[in-house]
Structure formats: C-alpha cells, structure tokens
Amino acid sequence: MTNTTHFGYQTVPEEDKVHKVAEVFHSVAAKYDIMNDFMSAGLHRVWKAFTIAQAGVRPGFKVLDIAGGTGDLSKAFARQAGPTGEVWLTDINESMLRVGRDRLLNKGTPTPTLLCDAEKLPFPDNYFDRVSVAFGLRNMTHKDVALSEMRRVLKPGGKLLVLEFSKVWEPLKKPYDVYSFSVLPWLGKKIANDAESYRYLAESIRMHPDQETLKKMMEDAGLERVQYHNLTAGVAALHTGIKL
C-alpha cells in the first residue's frame, strides 16, 4: 500500500511530494527574494534578523543552515562564525542552492554548499553548534524524521532554530485568508509568472502544524527547553530547542 502525504490541500503519494515541491522551487528560485519582499512587505527580513540574533553564533562555531535557499541566514552566520568557523548552506533544491551559492560568492562570503535531504543529513553525530531551518520544514514529508536528524547532528548544548509560517492571531484570520488565496497567487502570476506555486505555498502554510503542535514535535524529537516566539501576530513563529 502506498503511503500518502499532503501537498498543499492535495493528498499525494509520499514519493511524489518531493518532486512536486522541487518543481515549485525550481520555478520560483530566480524571483524568490523579490517575491518574499512583496509577499511579506519586507517582514521576512525582520523575522530572519530576529532568528540570527537568537542564534547567537560566535567565532569558531559550526553552523548548519538547512533549506537555506538563497543564503540569507548563511551569509550572516558566516560573518559571525568568522574564518575559524564552519557554515554549511544546504538545500534539497538545486535551483535554490545555485542562487544561494552565487549570492554568497558575490558578497565575498564563500561557504560550503551541499545538495542534501534534511531527512538524511550527511553529517556526523554531535557536530554542529547551531542548526537552522527557515521556511523549509513545512515542505518536508516526514517532519518528525527531519527534526530527529537535526537533533542528531547538534552537539550537546547546541541549539536548533526553526523559523516557519504559523497560525495567525484569530481576529486576523479572515483578512489573512483573503490575502493568501487571492492576492498571493495574483502576485505570483505578475512577478514570477507562476500563480500555482504560490497557491501551493499558501496551502502548505495552512497544513503546517501550529505553534503548540510543533513545540510538542520538537520535544518528541528529543529537544529540551523548547520555546517559541510569535512574530507579526503569529504569521510566523521562531521555535528554538536545545540538545542536552
């Protein structure tokens, strides 16, 4: 019997989800940052800055940026970790990774880049001081497996940071739905010539676990002191957890 999972509001065979998500990000990679600015009115930069501050990366740290895409977090982490540190930019999507790698090179911040699946991380146990994933967890088929892998590669005392869209404050739900399902695909069509990919992104946010559910999933994966910060009335949330 074939195992199924969600791709937005569709139910699809698990093996199909990876390919469908890949198609979305191959399609939007070139315009990804421009669309993020339009979609969030620039707020994604504020959310990422908050995440970077909460990470507290210091010189010499080893950092893994999962689903790092166009490299916003990796760029900041590489500056903070300095020449004695080690920052890996990884993504399962080659198109996104190429954009991120080129951006880092153009900024004079060359870091190792690797095409890899968060559910099967090719790194040893207890290796990284920090692991981050920004706006990538909701696209993963087995989130529990990915979270366990992230914990595995963390050193004892290391911190996981998960920045993701989340459940918005109830009074804002209706206008947020109108924006997500009407305005967002329209923007996708106008800017990236791709309404369908942005319709999927809106649906994938609704299918992602809410704040408390994700907190419990991180605890179930073996992380301790898990907490979250709601950002912009819960449009996004940053979850953090420690490996003890």
Protein backbone atom coordinates (compact mmCIF):
# COMPACT_ATOMS: atom_id res chain seq x y z
CA MET A 1 0.00 0.00 0.00
CA THR A 2 1.34 3.43 -0.96
CA ASN A 3 1.85 5.91 1.89
CA THR A 4 0.30 9.31 1.22
CA THR A 5 1.00 12.82 2.47
CA HIS A 6 -0.14 16.39 1.88
CA PHE A 7 0.98 18.61 -0.97
CA GLY A 8 -0.91 21.76 -0.06
CA TYR A 9 -4.54 20.63 0.08
CA GLN A 10 -3.93 17.65 -2.22
CA THR A 11 -3.25 14.13 -0.95
CA VAL A 12 -0.40 12.60 -2.93
CA PRO A 13 1.86 9.52 -2.69
CA GLU A 14 4.85 10.30 -0.46
CA GLU A 15 7.37 9.73 -3.24
CA ASP A 16 5.55 12.31 -5.41
CA LYS A 17 5.72 15.10 -2.82
CA VAL A 18 9.48 15.58 -3.10
CA HIS A 19 9.19 16.00 -6.89
CA LYS A 20 6.22 18.35 -6.65
CA VAL A 21 7.94 20.56 -4.05
CA ALA A 22 11.06 20.54 -6.24
CA GLU A 23 9.03 21.78 -9.22
CA VAL A 24 7.68 24.66 -7.12
CA PHE A 25 11.14 25.84 -6.08
CA HIS A 26 12.76 25.28 -9.47
CA SER A 27 10.02 27.55 -10.81
CA VAL A 28 10.35 30.35 -8.24
CA ALA A 29 14.11 30.31 -7.45
CA ALA A 30 15.11 33.23 -9.68
CA LYS A 31 12.40 35.53 -8.25
CA TYR A 32 12.28 34.05 -4.75
CA ASP A 33 13.72 37.03 -2.83
CA ILE A 34 11.76 39.62 -4.79
CA MET A 35 8.55 37.70 -4.14
CA ASN A 36 9.37 37.37 -0.44
CA ASP A 37 9.72 41.14 -0.19
CA PHE A 38 6.38 41.68 -1.93
CA MET A 39 4.58 38.88 -0.05
CA SER A 40 5.64 39.95 3.41
CA ALA A 41 6.15 43.70 2.79
CA GLY A 42 9.78 43.10 3.73
CA LEU A 43 8.88 41.49 7.07
CA HIS A 44 10.69 38.25 6.22
CA ARG A 45 13.94 40.21 6.63
CA VAL A 46 12.88 41.30 10.14
CA TRP A 47 11.94 37.71 11.06
CA LYS A 48 15.29 36.43 9.77
CA ALA A 49 17.18 39.16 11.66
CA PHE A 50 15.41 38.09 14.86
CA THR A 51 16.37 34.46 14.16
CA ILE A 52 20.00 35.42 13.56
CA ALA A 53 20.05 37.36 16.86
CA GLN A 54 18.51 34.40 18.75
CA ALA A 55 21.09 32.03 17.25
CA GLY A 56 23.94 33.85 18.99
CA VAL A 57 26.60 32.47 16.63
CA ARG A 58 30.12 33.18 17.87
CA PRO A 59 33.56 32.97 16.21
CA GLY A 60 34.58 29.37 15.59
CA PHE A 61 31.03 27.96 15.65
CA LYS A 62 29.94 25.20 13.28
CA VAL A 63 26.53 26.03 11.79
CA LEU A 64 24.20 24.07 9.50
CA ASP A 65 21.63 26.07 7.52
CA ILE A 66 19.01 23.57 6.24
CA ALA A 67 16.73 24.52 3.33
CA GLY A 68 18.92 27.61 3.27
CA GLY A 69 17.83 28.57 -0.24
CA THR A 70 19.14 31.95 -1.26
CA GLY A 71 21.51 32.14 1.70
CA ASP A 72 20.22 34.99 3.90
CA LEU A 73 20.94 33.17 7.16
CA SER A 74 24.17 31.53 5.95
CA LYS A 75 25.58 34.91 4.96
CA ALA A 76 25.02 36.34 8.45
CA PHE A 77 26.19 33.19 10.21
CA ALA A 78 29.39 33.06 8.12
CA ARG A 79 30.24 36.63 9.12
CA GLN A 80 29.65 35.84 12.80
CA ALA A 81 31.46 32.49 12.81
CA GLY A 82 34.45 34.08 11.09
CA PRO A 83 37.44 32.34 9.48
CA THR A 84 37.70 29.79 12.29
CA GLY A 85 34.04 28.80 11.94
CA GLU A 86 32.28 26.49 9.51
CA VAL A 87 28.90 27.32 7.97
CA TRP A 88 27.15 24.92 5.60
CA LEU A 89 24.44 26.17 3.22
CA THR A 90 22.27 23.19 2.27
CA ASP A 91 19.07 22.70 0.32
CA ILE A 92 17.29 19.80 -1.35
CA ASN A 93 16.59 22.01 -4.38
CA GLU A 94 19.44 22.58 -6.81
CA SER A 95 17.97 25.75 -8.33
CA MET A 96 17.64 27.43 -4.93
CA LEU A 97 21.10 26.26 -3.87
CA ARG A 98 22.71 27.69 -7.01
CA VAL A 99 21.10 31.09 -6.34
CA GLY A 100 22.29 30.99 -2.72
CA ARG A 101 25.82 29.87 -3.59
CA ASP A 102 26.19 32.59 -6.24
CA ARG A 103 24.90 35.26 -3.87
CA LEU A 104 27.37 34.24 -1.17
CA LEU A 105 30.24 34.23 -3.65
CA ASN A 106 29.21 37.66 -4.97
CA LYS A 107 29.16 39.00 -1.40
CA GLY A 108 32.65 37.61 -0.79
CA THR A 109 31.33 35.05 1.70
CA PRO A 110 32.19 31.66 0.21
CA THR A 111 30.84 28.84 2.38
CA PRO A 112 30.47 25.13 1.68
CA THR A 113 27.20 24.41 -0.16
CA LEU A 114 25.64 20.98 -0.33
CA LEU A 115 22.58 19.47 -2.00
CA CYS A 116 21.03 17.28 0.69
CA ASP A 117 17.81 15.95 2.16
CA ALA A 118 17.04 17.09 5.72
CA GLU A 119 15.61 13.65 6.48
CA LYS A 120 19.02 12.03 5.74
CA LEU A 121 21.68 14.54 6.76
CA PRO A 122 25.18 13.50 5.60
CA PHE A 123 26.91 14.80 8.74
CA PRO A 124 28.27 13.03 11.82
CA ASP A 125 26.57 13.00 15.22
CA ASN A 126 27.28 15.87 17.62
CA TYR A 127 28.94 18.09 15.01
CA PHE A 128 27.18 21.48 14.88
CA ASP A 129 26.79 24.25 17.47
CA ARG A 130 23.70 25.58 15.69
CA VAL A 131 21.22 24.18 13.16
CA SER A 132 18.68 26.44 11.47
CA VAL A 133 15.80 25.88 9.06
CA ALA A 134 13.85 28.89 7.80
CA PHE A 135 10.62 28.38 5.86
CA GLY A 136 11.62 24.86 4.89
CA LEU A 137 10.18 22.48 7.48
CA ARG A 138 6.62 22.69 6.17
CA ASN A 139 7.77 21.33 2.78
CA MET A 140 9.34 18.21 4.31
CA THR A 141 7.45 14.93 4.01
CA HIS A 142 8.45 13.42 7.36
CA LYS A 143 8.92 16.39 9.68
CA ASP A 144 9.50 14.14 12.70
CA VAL A 145 12.38 12.37 10.92
CA ALA A 146 13.90 15.70 9.85
CA LEU A 147 13.71 17.09 13.41
CA SER A 148 15.36 13.95 14.79
CA GLU A 149 18.15 14.30 12.23
CA MET A 150 18.66 17.95 13.18
CA ARG A 151 18.96 16.96 16.83
CA ARG A 152 21.36 14.13 15.97
CA VAL A 153 23.90 16.42 14.27
CA LEU A 154 23.78 19.02 17.07
CA LYS A 155 26.47 18.98 19.74
CA PRO A 156 25.29 18.65 23.35
CA GLY A 157 24.39 22.22 24.32
CA GLY A 158 23.71 23.10 20.67
CA LYS A 159 20.58 24.93 19.57
CA LEU A 160 18.04 24.25 16.82
CA LEU A 161 16.15 27.23 15.35
CA VAL A 162 13.02 26.66 13.26
CA LEU A 163 11.56 29.77 11.59
CA GLU A 164 8.30 28.99 9.85
CA PHE A 165 4.91 30.39 8.94
CA SER A 166 2.45 29.52 11.68
CA LYS A 167 -1.08 30.02 12.96
CA VAL A 168 -2.10 33.67 12.77
CA TRP A 169 -3.94 35.50 15.57
CA GLU A 170 -7.64 34.60 15.26
CA PRO A 171 -9.02 38.15 14.59
CA LEU A 172 -6.66 38.42 11.60
CA LYS A 173 -7.57 35.03 10.12
CA LYS A 174 -10.17 36.22 7.59
CA PRO A 175 -8.14 39.05 6.03
CA TYR A 176 -5.07 36.80 6.07
CA ASP A 177 -7.00 34.11 4.16
CA VAL A 178 -8.17 36.64 1.58
CA TYR A 179 -4.60 37.82 1.13
CA SER A 180 -3.17 34.29 0.95
CA PHE A 181 -5.63 32.80 -1.53
CA SER A 182 -6.39 35.84 -3.71
CA VAL A 183 -3.58 38.38 -3.54
CA LEU A 184 -0.67 35.94 -3.22
CA PRO A 185 -1.38 33.89 -6.38
CA TRP A 186 -2.00 37.17 -8.25
CA LEU A 187 1.41 38.47 -7.12
CA GLY A 188 2.95 35.15 -8.12
CA LYS A 189 1.46 35.48 -11.59
CA LYS A 190 2.57 39.10 -12.03
CA ILE A 191 6.09 38.84 -10.60
CA ALA A 192 7.18 35.22 -11.02
CA ASN A 193 4.75 34.25 -13.80
CA ASP A 194 3.62 31.37 -11.59
CA ALA A 195 0.31 31.59 -9.71
CA GLU A 196 0.10 27.86 -8.93
CA SER A 197 3.34 27.66 -6.95
CA TYR A 198 2.21 30.50 -4.70
CA ARG A 199 -1.21 28.90 -4.29
CA TYR A 200 0.63 25.78 -3.06
CA LEU A 201 2.74 27.89 -0.66
CA ALA A 202 -0.44 29.40 0.85
CA GLU A 203 -1.99 25.93 1.23
CA SER A 204 1.20 24.45 2.70
CA ILE A 205 1.15 27.10 5.45
CA ARG A 206 -2.39 26.00 6.44
CA MET A 207 -1.33 22.34 6.56
CA HIS A 208 1.72 23.04 8.75
CA PRO A 209 1.47 22.27 12.49
CA ASP A 210 0.51 25.22 14.70
CA GLN A 211 2.83 26.63 17.36
CA GLU A 212 1.98 24.24 20.18
CA THR A 213 1.95 21.17 17.91
CA LEU A 214 5.40 21.97 16.52
CA LYS A 215 6.69 22.58 20.06
CA LYS A 216 5.50 19.08 21.02
CA MET A 217 7.07 17.58 17.86
CA MET A 218 10.43 19.12 18.76
CA GLU A 219 10.16 17.76 22.30
CA ASP A 220 9.24 14.33 20.91
CA ALA A 221 12.41 14.51 18.76
CA GLY A 222 14.41 14.81 21.99
CA LEU A 223 14.98 18.56 22.19
CA GLU A 224 14.81 20.31 25.55
CA ARG A 225 13.78 23.79 26.69
CA VAL A 226 11.66 24.20 23.56
CA GLN A 227 10.00 27.60 23.27
CA TYR A 228 8.56 29.77 20.53
CA HIS A 229 8.22 33.46 19.73
CA ASN A 230 5.24 34.60 17.68
CA LEU A 231 6.23 37.12 15.02
CA THR A 232 3.77 39.57 13.43
CA ALA A 233 0.73 38.17 15.27
CA GLY A 234 1.68 34.57 14.52
CA VAL A 235 2.08 34.96 10.76
CA ALA A 236 5.46 33.41 11.50
CA ALA A 237 6.97 31.84 14.61
CA LEU A 238 10.50 31.03 15.70
CA HIS A 239 10.83 27.79 17.65
CA THR A 240 14.07 27.02 19.48
CA GLY A 241 15.23 23.92 21.29
CA ILE A 242 18.44 22.74 22.95
CA LYS A 243 20.13 19.33 22.77
CA LEU A 244 21.22 18.47 26.31
